[in-house]
Amino acid sequence: MTDDKDVLRDVWFGRIPTCFTLYQDEITEREAEPYYLLLPRVSYLTLVTDKVKKHFQKAMRQEDVSEIWFEYEGTPLKW
């Protein structure tokens, strides 16, 4: 029984390694380094958008900073 609890705890509190990159058309004269985060398995992407925007702010045009979307292998992710 304790093994089941350990597995459930590990799944519930587990984290997913995530890499954020800028779309090539969004990059200005500065090259943007990827942004890596360990995100909780039970979370929402919208909770990290401010961190992601702040990281890429220097490499983007000011008018593009307000817009953000996420995609995985070319497929946009639902919010």
N, C-alpha and C. Protein backbone atom coordinates (compact mmCIF):
# COMPACT_ATOMS: atom_id res chain seq x y z
N MET A 1 0.82 -1.20 0.00
CA MET A 1 0.00 0.00 0.00
C MET A 1 0.86 1.26 0.00
N THR A 2 1.97 1.27 0.70
CA THR A 2 2.82 2.45 0.72
C THR A 2 3.44 2.71 -0.65
N ASP A 3 3.67 1.65 -1.43
CA ASP A 3 4.20 1.84 -2.77
C ASP A 3 3.22 2.62 -3.63
N ASP A 4 1.94 2.33 -3.49
CA ASP A 4 0.92 3.05 -4.25
C ASP A 4 0.91 4.53 -3.88
N LYS A 5 1.03 4.82 -2.61
CA LYS A 5 1.05 6.21 -2.17
C LYS A 5 2.28 6.93 -2.70
N ASP A 6 3.40 6.26 -2.72
CA ASP A 6 4.63 6.87 -3.25
C ASP A 6 4.49 7.18 -4.73
N VAL A 7 3.91 6.26 -5.46
CA VAL A 7 3.72 6.47 -6.90
C VAL A 7 2.76 7.63 -7.13
N LEU A 8 1.65 7.63 -6.41
CA LEU A 8 0.68 8.72 -6.55
C LEU A 8 1.30 10.07 -6.21
N ARG A 9 2.09 10.12 -5.14
CA ARG A 9 2.75 11.37 -4.75
C ARG A 9 3.73 11.82 -5.84
N ASP A 10 4.51 10.88 -6.37
CA ASP A 10 5.47 11.24 -7.42
C ASP A 10 4.78 11.75 -8.68
N VAL A 11 3.66 11.15 -9.04
CA VAL A 11 2.92 11.61 -10.21
C VAL A 11 2.31 12.98 -9.94
N TRP A 12 1.70 13.16 -8.80
CA TRP A 12 1.02 14.41 -8.47
C TRP A 12 2.01 15.57 -8.37
N PHE A 13 3.15 15.35 -7.74
CA PHE A 13 4.12 16.42 -7.52
C PHE A 13 5.23 16.43 -8.57
N GLY A 14 5.09 15.61 -9.60
CA GLY A 14 6.10 15.54 -10.65
C GLY A 14 6.20 16.83 -11.45
N ARG A 15 7.31 16.99 -12.12
CA ARG A 15 7.55 18.18 -12.94
C ARG A 15 7.96 17.75 -14.34
N ILE A 16 7.66 18.61 -15.31
CA ILE A 16 7.95 18.34 -16.71
C ILE A 16 8.99 19.35 -17.19
N PRO A 17 10.12 18.86 -17.72
CA PRO A 17 11.09 19.80 -18.29
C PRO A 17 10.51 20.44 -19.56
N THR A 18 10.57 21.76 -19.63
CA THR A 18 9.95 22.49 -20.73
C THR A 18 10.95 23.49 -21.30
N CYS A 19 10.98 23.58 -22.63
CA CYS A 19 11.86 24.53 -23.32
C CYS A 19 11.01 25.48 -24.15
N PHE A 20 11.19 26.78 -23.93
CA PHE A 20 10.48 27.80 -24.69
C PHE A 20 11.47 28.46 -25.65
N THR A 21 11.07 28.61 -26.91
CA THR A 21 11.89 29.29 -27.90
C THR A 21 11.03 30.29 -28.66
N LEU A 22 11.68 31.26 -29.26
CA LEU A 22 10.96 32.23 -30.09
C LEU A 22 10.84 31.72 -31.51
N TYR A 23 9.74 32.06 -32.13
CA TYR A 23 9.55 31.79 -33.56
C TYR A 23 10.59 32.61 -34.32
N GLN A 24 11.18 32.04 -35.35
CA GLN A 24 12.27 32.71 -36.08
C GLN A 24 11.88 34.09 -36.60
N ASP A 25 10.65 34.29 -37.02
CA ASP A 25 10.22 35.59 -37.55
C ASP A 25 10.10 36.65 -36.46
N GLU A 26 10.06 36.25 -35.21
CA GLU A 26 9.92 37.19 -34.10
C GLU A 26 11.27 37.75 -33.63
N ILE A 27 12.35 37.12 -34.02
CA ILE A 27 13.67 37.51 -33.53
C ILE A 27 14.15 38.74 -34.29
N THR A 28 14.63 39.72 -33.55
CA THR A 28 15.19 40.93 -34.15
C THR A 28 16.70 40.74 -34.29
N GLU A 29 17.47 41.80 -34.12
CA GLU A 29 18.92 41.70 -34.30
C GLU A 29 19.61 40.89 -33.21
N ARG A 30 18.98 40.72 -32.06
CA ARG A 30 19.56 39.92 -30.98
C ARG A 30 19.06 38.48 -31.07
N GLU A 31 19.96 37.55 -30.85
CA GLU A 31 19.58 36.14 -30.82
C GLU A 31 19.01 35.81 -29.44
N ALA A 32 17.91 35.11 -29.40
CA ALA A 32 17.26 34.78 -28.14
C ALA A 32 17.65 33.37 -27.70
N GLU A 33 18.13 33.26 -26.49
CA GLU A 33 18.46 31.95 -25.93
C GLU A 33 17.17 31.25 -25.52
N PRO A 34 17.11 29.93 -25.67
CA PRO A 34 15.92 29.20 -25.18
C PRO A 34 15.75 29.40 -23.68
N TYR A 35 14.53 29.26 -23.23
CA TYR A 35 14.20 29.44 -21.81
C TYR A 35 13.70 28.10 -21.27
N TYR A 36 14.39 27.56 -20.29
CA TYR A 36 14.07 26.25 -19.73
C TYR A 36 13.43 26.40 -18.36
N LEU A 37 12.36 25.64 -18.14
CA LEU A 37 11.67 25.62 -16.85
C LEU A 37 11.25 24.19 -16.51
N LEU A 38 11.21 23.89 -15.23
CA LEU A 38 10.59 22.65 -14.76
C LEU A 38 9.19 23.03 -14.29
N LEU A 39 8.19 22.62 -15.04
CA LEU A 39 6.81 22.98 -14.73
C LEU A 39 6.10 21.85 -14.01
N PRO A 40 5.28 22.18 -13.03
CA PRO A 40 4.49 21.13 -12.36
C PRO A 40 3.57 20.44 -13.37
N ARG A 41 3.38 19.15 -13.18
CA ARG A 41 2.49 18.40 -14.07
C ARG A 41 1.06 18.93 -14.00
N VAL A 42 0.65 19.38 -12.83
CA VAL A 42 -0.70 19.89 -12.65
C VAL A 42 -0.59 21.41 -12.58
N SER A 43 -0.64 22.05 -13.75
CA SER A 43 -0.48 23.49 -13.81
C SER A 43 -1.07 24.00 -15.13
N TYR A 44 -0.97 25.30 -15.34
CA TYR A 44 -1.44 25.94 -16.56
C TYR A 44 -0.31 26.75 -17.17
N LEU A 45 -0.20 26.72 -18.48
CA LEU A 45 0.83 27.50 -19.15
C LEU A 45 0.69 29.00 -18.90
N THR A 46 -0.53 29.44 -18.72
CA THR A 46 -0.75 30.87 -18.51
C THR A 46 -0.10 31.38 -17.23
N LEU A 47 0.23 30.48 -16.31
CA LEU A 47 0.88 30.90 -15.07
C LEU A 47 2.35 31.26 -15.28
N VAL A 48 2.94 30.85 -16.40
CA VAL A 48 4.36 31.15 -16.65
C VAL A 48 4.55 32.14 -17.80
N THR A 49 3.48 32.66 -18.37
CA THR A 49 3.63 33.56 -19.52
C THR A 49 4.41 34.82 -19.17
N ASP A 50 4.24 35.35 -17.98
CA ASP A 50 4.99 36.55 -17.59
C ASP A 50 6.49 36.27 -17.55
N LYS A 51 6.88 35.12 -17.01
CA LYS A 51 8.30 34.75 -16.97
C LYS A 51 8.86 34.59 -18.38
N VAL A 52 8.09 33.95 -19.25
CA VAL A 52 8.54 33.72 -20.63
C VAL A 52 8.67 35.05 -21.37
N LYS A 53 7.68 35.92 -21.23
CA LYS A 53 7.73 37.24 -21.88
C LYS A 53 8.94 38.04 -21.40
N LYS A 54 9.17 38.02 -20.11
CA LYS A 54 10.29 38.77 -19.55
C LYS A 54 11.62 38.27 -20.11
N HIS A 55 11.76 36.97 -20.25
CA HIS A 55 13.00 36.38 -20.77
C HIS A 55 13.25 36.82 -22.22
N PHE A 56 12.21 36.82 -23.06
CA PHE A 56 12.37 37.10 -24.48
C PHE A 56 12.18 38.57 -24.85
N GLN A 57 11.86 39.40 -23.91
CA GLN A 57 11.53 40.80 -24.17
C GLN A 57 12.63 41.54 -24.92
N LYS A 58 13.88 41.31 -24.60
CA LYS A 58 14.99 42.04 -25.21
C LYS A 58 15.22 41.66 -26.67
N ALA A 59 14.79 40.46 -27.06
CA ALA A 59 15.03 39.99 -28.42
C ALA A 59 13.83 40.21 -29.34
N MET A 60 12.75 40.75 -28.82
CA MET A 60 11.53 40.93 -29.62
C MET A 60 11.26 42.41 -29.90
N ARG A 61 10.46 42.63 -30.94
CA ARG A 61 9.96 43.98 -31.21
C ARG A 61 8.92 44.31 -30.14
N GLN A 62 8.86 45.57 -29.75
CA GLN A 62 7.96 45.97 -28.66
C GLN A 62 6.49 45.67 -28.97
N GLU A 63 6.09 45.80 -30.23
CA GLU A 63 4.69 45.55 -30.58
C GLU A 63 4.33 44.07 -30.51
N ASP A 64 5.34 43.18 -30.55
CA ASP A 64 5.07 41.75 -30.50
C ASP A 64 5.10 41.18 -29.09
N VAL A 65 5.53 41.96 -28.12
CA VAL A 65 5.67 41.43 -26.76
C VAL A 65 4.31 41.10 -26.15
N SER A 66 3.28 41.83 -26.49
CA SER A 66 1.98 41.61 -25.86
C SER A 66 1.30 40.33 -26.35
N GLU A 67 1.64 39.86 -27.54
CA GLU A 67 1.02 38.65 -28.07
C GLU A 67 1.90 37.45 -27.78
N ILE A 68 1.26 36.35 -27.38
CA ILE A 68 2.00 35.13 -27.11
C ILE A 68 1.12 33.93 -27.42
N TRP A 69 1.72 32.90 -27.97
CA TRP A 69 1.02 31.64 -28.15
C TRP A 69 2.03 30.52 -27.97
N PHE A 70 1.51 29.34 -27.68
CA PHE A 70 2.36 28.18 -27.49
C PHE A 70 2.02 27.15 -28.55
N GLU A 71 3.05 26.45 -29.01
CA GLU A 71 2.82 25.36 -29.94
C GLU A 71 3.80 24.24 -29.64
N TYR A 72 3.42 23.05 -30.07
CA TYR A 72 4.28 21.88 -29.90
C TYR A 72 4.38 21.18 -31.26
N GLU A 73 5.58 21.10 -31.78
CA GLU A 73 5.87 20.50 -33.09
C GLU A 73 4.94 21.05 -34.18
N GLY A 74 4.76 22.37 -34.17
CA GLY A 74 3.97 23.04 -35.19
C GLY A 74 2.47 23.09 -34.94
N THR A 75 2.00 22.46 -33.89
CA THR A 75 0.57 22.46 -33.58
C THR A 75 0.31 23.42 -32.43
N PRO A 76 -0.52 24.45 -32.64
CA PRO A 76 -0.85 25.38 -31.56
C PRO A 76 -1.52 24.67 -30.41
N LEU A 77 -1.18 25.05 -29.18
CA LEU A 77 -1.78 24.46 -28.00
C LEU A 77 -3.00 25.26 -27.57
N LYS A 78 -4.01 24.58 -27.10
CA LYS A 78 -5.21 25.25 -26.61
C LYS A 78 -4.90 25.91 -25.28
N TRP A 79 -5.50 27.08 -25.07
CA TRP A 79 -5.33 27.79 -23.80
C TRP A 79 -6.34 27.24 -22.86
